[in-house]
Amino acid sequence: MVCVRMATVNDLLQMQATNLWCLPENYQMKYYFYHLLSWPQLLWVAEDFDQSIVGYVMAKMEEDDKQPRHGHITSLAVLRTHRKRGIATALMRRSQMEMEKVFGAEYVSLHVRKSNKAAFHLYKETLDYEIHDVEKGYYADGEDAYDMRCTFNKKNEEQQQQQAVEGKMQALTVE
């Protein structure tokens, strides 16, 4: 079983290690601290029975006054050994719920590599994201990214209310 809970400063090293194992886009520790200090409600971890971090989501609120208030998923990673168990979905939904509830976000955005079919399927089919744009050469290696967005609407509110009932103790168990 895996417990999904809000991240703490003590989780940052394991989050960074998970990032290094899973993704080609890596961040310096100060970037994790910046997110945690600025938007603590938007960083969530999946913790295994032995208290090791097996996944995380790191998100932020965008500060562009020209667009409606919205969040952005900076990074999502789940160790290969723990994939296909609903962990990424649970992490994303918790972060998105807090974006809307705490910060009044109207939508959330993210970037995903065009070649990352598994992540694209998660975002499009499971989490109802839509392609907003294609950003040419977005990644350091020159690969294009889909700029995807998910608008918070009545359907999302119902899902989030159900999840809030199930996770009253700020912890969610994922089989």
C-alpha atoms as a PDB file:
ATOM      1  CA  MET A   1       0.000   0.000   0.000  1.00  0.00           C
ATOM      2  CA  VAL A   2       1.023   3.561  -0.697  1.00  0.00           C
ATOM      3  CA  CYS A   3       0.020   6.654   1.266  1.00  0.00           C
ATOM      4  CA  VAL A   4      -0.397   9.954  -0.565  1.00  0.00           C
ATOM      5  CA  ARG A   5       0.301  12.929   1.685  1.00  0.00           C
ATOM      6  CA  MET A   6       1.427  16.532   1.530  1.00  0.00           C
ATOM      7  CA  ALA A   7       5.199  16.843   1.134  1.00  0.00           C
ATOM      8  CA  THR A   8       7.427  18.254   3.855  1.00  0.00           C
ATOM      9  CA  VAL A   9      10.937  19.658   3.793  1.00  0.00           C
ATOM     10  CA  ASN A  10      12.172  16.231   4.923  1.00  0.00           C
ATOM     11  CA  ASP A  11      10.913  14.714   1.649  1.00  0.00           C
ATOM     12  CA  LEU A  12      12.814  16.974  -0.740  1.00  0.00           C
ATOM     13  CA  LEU A  13      15.952  14.828  -1.085  1.00  0.00           C
ATOM     14  CA  GLN A  14      13.889  11.733  -1.870  1.00  0.00           C
ATOM     15  CA  MET A  15      11.749  13.726  -4.296  1.00  0.00           C
ATOM     16  CA  GLN A  16      14.884  14.871  -6.093  1.00  0.00           C
ATOM     17  CA  ALA A  17      16.207  11.289  -6.180  1.00  0.00           C
ATOM     18  CA  THR A  18      12.899  10.081  -7.645  1.00  0.00           C
ATOM     19  CA  ASN A  19      13.132  12.818 -10.257  1.00  0.00           C
ATOM     20  CA  LEU A  20      16.661  11.754 -11.200  1.00  0.00           C
ATOM     21  CA  TRP A  21      15.583   8.113 -11.599  1.00  0.00           C
ATOM     22  CA  CYS A  22      12.469   8.869 -13.649  1.00  0.00           C
ATOM     23  CA  LEU A  23      12.920  11.976 -15.770  1.00  0.00           C
ATOM     24  CA  PRO A  24      15.443  13.643 -18.059  1.00  0.00           C
ATOM     25  CA  GLU A  25      14.337  17.069 -16.751  1.00  0.00           C
ATOM     26  CA  ASN A  26      16.092  17.578 -13.434  1.00  0.00           C
ATOM     27  CA  TYR A  27      16.079  20.427 -10.932  1.00  0.00           C
ATOM     28  CA  GLN A  28      18.468  21.831  -8.358  1.00  0.00           C
ATOM     29  CA  MET A  29      17.446  21.521  -4.711  1.00  0.00           C
ATOM     30  CA  LYS A  30      16.740  25.253  -4.454  1.00  0.00           C
ATOM     31  CA  TYR A  31      13.919  24.802  -6.998  1.00  0.00           C
ATOM     32  CA  TYR A  32      12.237  22.209  -4.771  1.00  0.00           C
ATOM     33  CA  PHE A  33      12.614  24.545  -1.764  1.00  0.00           C
ATOM     34  CA  TYR A  34      11.155  27.432  -3.768  1.00  0.00           C
ATOM     35  CA  HIS A  35       8.052  25.383  -4.605  1.00  0.00           C
ATOM     36  CA  LEU A  36       7.657  24.089  -1.055  1.00  0.00           C
ATOM     37  CA  LEU A  37       8.004  27.532   0.512  1.00  0.00           C
ATOM     38  CA  SER A  38       5.766  29.261  -2.041  1.00  0.00           C
ATOM     39  CA  TRP A  39       3.010  26.670  -2.564  1.00  0.00           C
ATOM     40  CA  PRO A  40       3.258  23.973   0.153  1.00  0.00           C
ATOM     41  CA  GLN A  41      -0.289  22.771  -0.566  1.00  0.00           C
ATOM     42  CA  LEU A  42       0.690  21.799  -4.115  1.00  0.00           C
ATOM     43  CA  LEU A  43       3.526  19.343  -3.376  1.00  0.00           C
ATOM     44  CA  TRP A  44       2.415  15.787  -2.651  1.00  0.00           C
ATOM     45  CA  VAL A  45       4.317  12.545  -2.218  1.00  0.00           C
ATOM     46  CA  ALA A  46       3.436   8.868  -2.442  1.00  0.00           C
ATOM     47  CA  GLU A  47       5.079   7.004   0.406  1.00  0.00           C
ATOM     48  CA  ASP A  48       5.536   3.223   0.447  1.00  0.00           C
ATOM     49  CA  PHE A  49       5.145   0.987   3.519  1.00  0.00           C
ATOM     50  CA  ASP A  50       8.828   1.494   4.381  1.00  0.00           C
ATOM     51  CA  GLN A  51       8.442   5.303   4.265  1.00  0.00           C
ATOM     52  CA  SER A  52      10.339   5.627   1.000  1.00  0.00           C
ATOM     53  CA  ILE A  53       9.063   8.124  -1.547  1.00  0.00           C
ATOM     54  CA  VAL A  54       7.907   6.284  -4.673  1.00  0.00           C
ATOM     55  CA  GLY A  55       6.315   9.255  -6.432  1.00  0.00           C
ATOM     56  CA  TYR A  56       5.643  12.953  -6.186  1.00  0.00           C
ATOM     57  CA  VAL A  57       3.929  15.875  -7.833  1.00  0.00           C
ATOM     58  CA  MET A  58       5.394  19.378  -7.688  1.00  0.00           C
ATOM     59  CA  ALA A  59       3.154  22.223  -8.802  1.00  0.00           C
ATOM     60  CA  LYS A  60       2.886  25.982  -8.570  1.00  0.00           C
ATOM     61  CA  MET A  61       0.552  28.864  -9.218  1.00  0.00           C
ATOM     62  CA  GLU A  62       1.338  30.988 -12.255  1.00  0.00           C
ATOM     63  CA  GLU A  63       1.664  34.689 -11.563  1.00  0.00           C
ATOM     64  CA  ASP A  64       0.713  36.054 -14.994  1.00  0.00           C
ATOM     65  CA  ASP A  65      -1.871  38.822 -14.510  1.00  0.00           C
ATOM     66  CA  LYS A  66      -2.910  38.657 -18.173  1.00  0.00           C
ATOM     67  CA  GLN A  67      -4.493  35.208 -17.825  1.00  0.00           C
ATOM     68  CA  PRO A  68      -7.085  33.799 -15.431  1.00  0.00           C
ATOM     69  CA  ARG A  69      -5.677  32.467 -12.161  1.00  0.00           C
ATOM     70  CA  HIS A  70      -4.214  29.044 -12.878  1.00  0.00           C
ATOM     71  CA  GLY A  71      -1.806  26.429 -11.651  1.00  0.00           C
ATOM     72  CA  HIS A  72       0.974  24.570 -13.413  1.00  0.00           C
ATOM     73  CA  ILE A  73       2.291  21.048 -12.872  1.00  0.00           C
ATOM     74  CA  THR A  74       6.058  21.453 -12.762  1.00  0.00           C
ATOM     75  CA  SER A  75       6.931  17.786 -12.352  1.00  0.00           C
ATOM     76  CA  LEU A  76       5.238  14.428 -11.801  1.00  0.00           C
ATOM     77  CA  ALA A  77       7.197  11.214 -11.300  1.00  0.00           C
ATOM     78  CA  VAL A  78       6.454   7.695 -10.084  1.00  0.00           C
ATOM     79  CA  LEU A  79       9.117   5.014  -9.812  1.00  0.00           C
ATOM     80  CA  ARG A  80       8.810   2.395 -12.552  1.00  0.00           C
ATOM     81  CA  THR A  81       8.230  -0.324  -9.918  1.00  0.00           C
ATOM     82  CA  HIS A  82       5.100   1.479  -8.706  1.00  0.00           C
ATOM     83  CA  ARG A  83       3.461   2.497 -11.979  1.00  0.00           C
ATOM     84  CA  LYS A  84       0.017   1.390 -13.191  1.00  0.00           C
ATOM     85  CA  ARG A  85      -1.417   1.512  -9.658  1.00  0.00           C
ATOM     86  CA  GLY A  86      -3.219   4.861  -9.789  1.00  0.00           C
ATOM     87  CA  ILE A  87      -0.500   6.685  -7.862  1.00  0.00           C
ATOM     88  CA  ALA A  88       0.109   9.389 -10.480  1.00  0.00           C
ATOM     89  CA  THR A  89      -3.640   9.964 -10.765  1.00  0.00           C
ATOM     90  CA  ALA A  90      -3.999  10.307  -6.983  1.00  0.00           C
ATOM     91  CA  LEU A  91      -1.056  12.722  -6.770  1.00  0.00           C
ATOM     92  CA  MET A  92      -2.391  14.877  -9.598  1.00  0.00           C
ATOM     93  CA  ARG A  93      -5.925  15.016  -8.206  1.00  0.00           C
ATOM     94  CA  ARG A  94      -4.736  16.055  -4.757  1.00  0.00           C
ATOM     95  CA  SER A  95      -2.590  18.866  -6.139  1.00  0.00           C
ATOM     96  CA  GLN A  96      -5.328  20.018  -8.515  1.00  0.00           C
ATOM     97  CA  MET A  97      -7.906  19.995  -5.726  1.00  0.00           C
ATOM     98  CA  GLU A  98      -5.704  22.296  -3.639  1.00  0.00           C
ATOM     99  CA  MET A  99      -5.082  24.624  -6.604  1.00  0.00           C
ATOM    100  CA  GLU A 100      -8.783  25.167  -6.954  1.00  0.00           C
ATOM    101  CA  LYS A 101      -9.748  25.140  -3.268  1.00  0.00           C
ATOM    102  CA  VAL A 102      -6.871  27.153  -1.765  1.00  0.00           C
ATOM    103  CA  PHE A 103      -5.793  29.392  -4.640  1.00  0.00           C
ATOM    104  CA  GLY A 104      -9.003  29.715  -6.678  1.00  0.00           C
ATOM    105  CA  ALA A 105      -7.429  28.383  -9.874  1.00  0.00           C
ATOM    106  CA  GLU A 106      -9.662  28.198 -12.942  1.00  0.00           C
ATOM    107  CA  TYR A 107      -7.475  25.663 -14.714  1.00  0.00           C
ATOM    108  CA  VAL A 108      -4.149  23.844 -14.556  1.00  0.00           C
ATOM    109  CA  SER A 109      -1.514  23.515 -17.263  1.00  0.00           C
ATOM    110  CA  LEU A 110       1.441  21.223 -17.879  1.00  0.00           C
ATOM    111  CA  HIS A 111       3.974  20.307 -20.528  1.00  0.00           C
ATOM    112  CA  VAL A 112       4.572  16.759 -21.708  1.00  0.00           C
ATOM    113  CA  ARG A 113       7.011  15.400 -24.264  1.00  0.00           C
ATOM    114  CA  LYS A 114       5.323  14.454 -27.531  1.00  0.00           C
ATOM    115  CA  SER A 115       7.098  11.085 -27.303  1.00  0.00           C
ATOM    116  CA  ASN A 116       5.808  10.296 -23.784  1.00  0.00           C
ATOM    117  CA  LYS A 117       2.754   8.250 -24.772  1.00  0.00           C
ATOM    118  CA  ALA A 118       2.077   6.881 -21.275  1.00  0.00           C
ATOM    119  CA  ALA A 119       2.003  10.336 -19.671  1.00  0.00           C
ATOM    120  CA  PHE A 120      -0.059  11.733 -22.546  1.00  0.00           C
ATOM    121  CA  HIS A 121      -2.609   8.936 -22.051  1.00  0.00           C
ATOM    122  CA  LEU A 122      -2.777   9.652 -18.302  1.00  0.00           C
ATOM    123  CA  TYR A 123      -3.347  13.351 -18.850  1.00  0.00           C
ATOM    124  CA  LYS A 124      -5.793  13.080 -21.759  1.00  0.00           C
ATOM    125  CA  GLU A 125      -7.793   9.941 -20.992  1.00  0.00           C
ATOM    126  CA  THR A 126      -7.715   9.743 -17.198  1.00  0.00           C
ATOM    127  CA  LEU A 127      -7.416  13.370 -16.080  1.00  0.00           C
ATOM    128  CA  ASP A 128      -9.305  15.085 -18.951  1.00  0.00           C
ATOM    129  CA  TYR A 129      -6.529  17.413 -20.119  1.00  0.00           C
ATOM    130  CA  GLU A 130      -6.733  18.851 -23.622  1.00  0.00           C
ATOM    131  CA  ILE A 131      -3.939  19.970 -25.929  1.00  0.00           C
ATOM    132  CA  HIS A 132      -3.803  23.756 -25.864  1.00  0.00           C
ATOM    133  CA  ASP A 133      -0.710  24.212 -28.040  1.00  0.00           C
ATOM    134  CA  VAL A 134       2.492  22.563 -29.247  1.00  0.00           C
ATOM    135  CA  GLU A 135       5.698  24.239 -28.115  1.00  0.00           C
ATOM    136  CA  LYS A 136       8.448  23.553 -30.636  1.00  0.00           C
ATOM    137  CA  GLY A 137      11.835  22.684 -29.140  1.00  0.00           C
ATOM    138  CA  TYR A 138      10.564  23.121 -25.582  1.00  0.00           C
ATOM    139  CA  TYR A 139      12.932  20.581 -24.010  1.00  0.00           C
ATOM    140  CA  ALA A 140      16.715  20.937 -23.734  1.00  0.00           C
ATOM    141  CA  ASP A 141      17.228  18.140 -26.261  1.00  0.00           C
ATOM    142  CA  GLY A 142      15.017  19.956 -28.780  1.00  0.00           C
ATOM    143  CA  GLU A 143      11.938  17.752 -28.441  1.00  0.00           C
ATOM    144  CA  ASP A 144       8.544  19.404 -28.801  1.00  0.00           C
ATOM    145  CA  ALA A 145       6.076  19.546 -25.914  1.00  0.00           C
ATOM    146  CA  TYR A 146       2.319  19.472 -25.749  1.00  0.00           C
ATOM    147  CA  ASP A 147       1.041  22.382 -23.664  1.00  0.00           C
ATOM    148  CA  MET A 148      -1.987  20.755 -22.033  1.00  0.00           C
ATOM    149  CA  ARG A 149      -4.722  22.222 -19.870  1.00  0.00           C
ATOM    150  CA  CYS A 150      -7.497  20.980 -17.660  1.00  0.00           C
ATOM    151  CA  THR A 151     -10.299  23.367 -16.768  1.00  0.00           C
ATOM    152  CA  PHE A 152     -11.824  23.021 -13.331  1.00  0.00           C
ATOM    153  CA  ASN A 153     -15.533  22.528 -13.807  1.00  0.00           C
ATOM    154  CA  LYS A 154     -18.504  20.845 -12.167  1.00  0.00           C
ATOM    155  CA  LYS A 155     -17.232  17.362 -13.071  1.00  0.00           C
ATOM    156  CA  ASN A 156     -13.887  18.051 -11.422  1.00  0.00           C
ATOM    157  CA  GLU A 157     -15.610  19.540  -8.376  1.00  0.00           C
ATOM    158  CA  GLU A 158     -17.626  16.346  -7.881  1.00  0.00           C
ATOM    159  CA  GLN A 159     -14.492  14.180  -8.195  1.00  0.00           C
ATOM    160  CA  GLN A 160     -12.621  16.422  -5.773  1.00  0.00           C
ATOM    161  CA  GLN A 161     -15.452  16.424  -3.216  1.00  0.00           C
ATOM    162  CA  GLN A 162     -15.560  12.634  -3.323  1.00  0.00           C
ATOM    163  CA  GLN A 163     -11.785  12.462  -2.877  1.00  0.00           C
ATOM    164  CA  ALA A 164     -11.934  14.939   0.018  1.00  0.00           C
ATOM    165  CA  VAL A 165     -14.434  12.682   1.779  1.00  0.00           C
ATOM    166  CA  GLU A 166     -12.200   9.654   1.203  1.00  0.00           C
ATOM    167  CA  GLY A 167      -9.037  11.462   2.330  1.00  0.00           C
ATOM    168  CA  LYS A 168     -10.153  13.484   5.351  1.00  0.00           C
ATOM    169  CA  MET A 169      -6.915  12.842   7.233  1.00  0.00           C
ATOM    170  CA  GLN A 170      -4.782  14.323   4.388  1.00  0.00           C
ATOM    171  CA  ALA A 171      -3.659  10.832   3.518  1.00  0.00           C
ATOM    172  CA  LEU A 172      -4.873   8.602   0.737  1.00  0.00           C
ATOM    173  CA  THR A 173      -4.153   4.920   0.535  1.00  0.00           C
ATOM    174  CA  VAL A 174      -3.526   3.520  -2.919  1.00  0.00           C
ATOM    175  CA  GLU A 175      -3.540  -0.248  -3.421  1.00  0.00           C
END
